[in-house]
Amino acid sequence: LTAFILVSVLALGLAHEWLQKGLEWTE
């Protein structure tokens, strides 16, 4: 369970960075 939560947090972090980069690219 702990490993699953850790992976989820990492995935959310990557998704957040990708969204930020995507917003920068669109502007």
Protein backbone atom coordinates (compact mmCIF):
# COMPACT_ATOMS: atom_id res chain seq x y z
CA LEU A 1 0.00 0.00 0.00
CA THR A 2 2.79 2.41 0.91
CA ALA A 3 4.57 1.74 -2.38
CA PHE A 4 1.32 2.37 -4.27
CA ILE A 5 0.88 5.74 -2.53
CA LEU A 6 4.51 6.65 -3.26
CA VAL A 7 4.09 5.84 -6.96
CA SER A 8 0.84 7.83 -7.06
CA VAL A 9 2.54 10.88 -5.52
CA LEU A 10 5.40 10.64 -8.03
CA ALA A 11 2.93 10.29 -10.91
CA LEU A 12 1.01 13.35 -9.71
CA GLY A 13 4.26 15.32 -9.44
CA LEU A 14 5.24 14.41 -13.01
CA ALA A 15 1.75 15.22 -14.30
CA HIS A 16 1.90 18.62 -12.57
CA GLU A 17 5.27 19.43 -14.19
CA TRP A 18 3.98 18.31 -17.62
CA LEU A 19 0.91 20.55 -17.20
CA GLN A 20 3.10 23.50 -16.22
CA LYS A 21 5.37 22.92 -19.26
CA GLY A 22 2.32 22.52 -21.48
CA LEU A 23 0.92 25.85 -20.30
CA GLU A 24 4.27 27.52 -20.95
CA TRP A 25 4.42 26.04 -24.48
CA THR A 26 0.92 27.26 -25.35
CA GLU A 27 1.74 30.85 -24.39
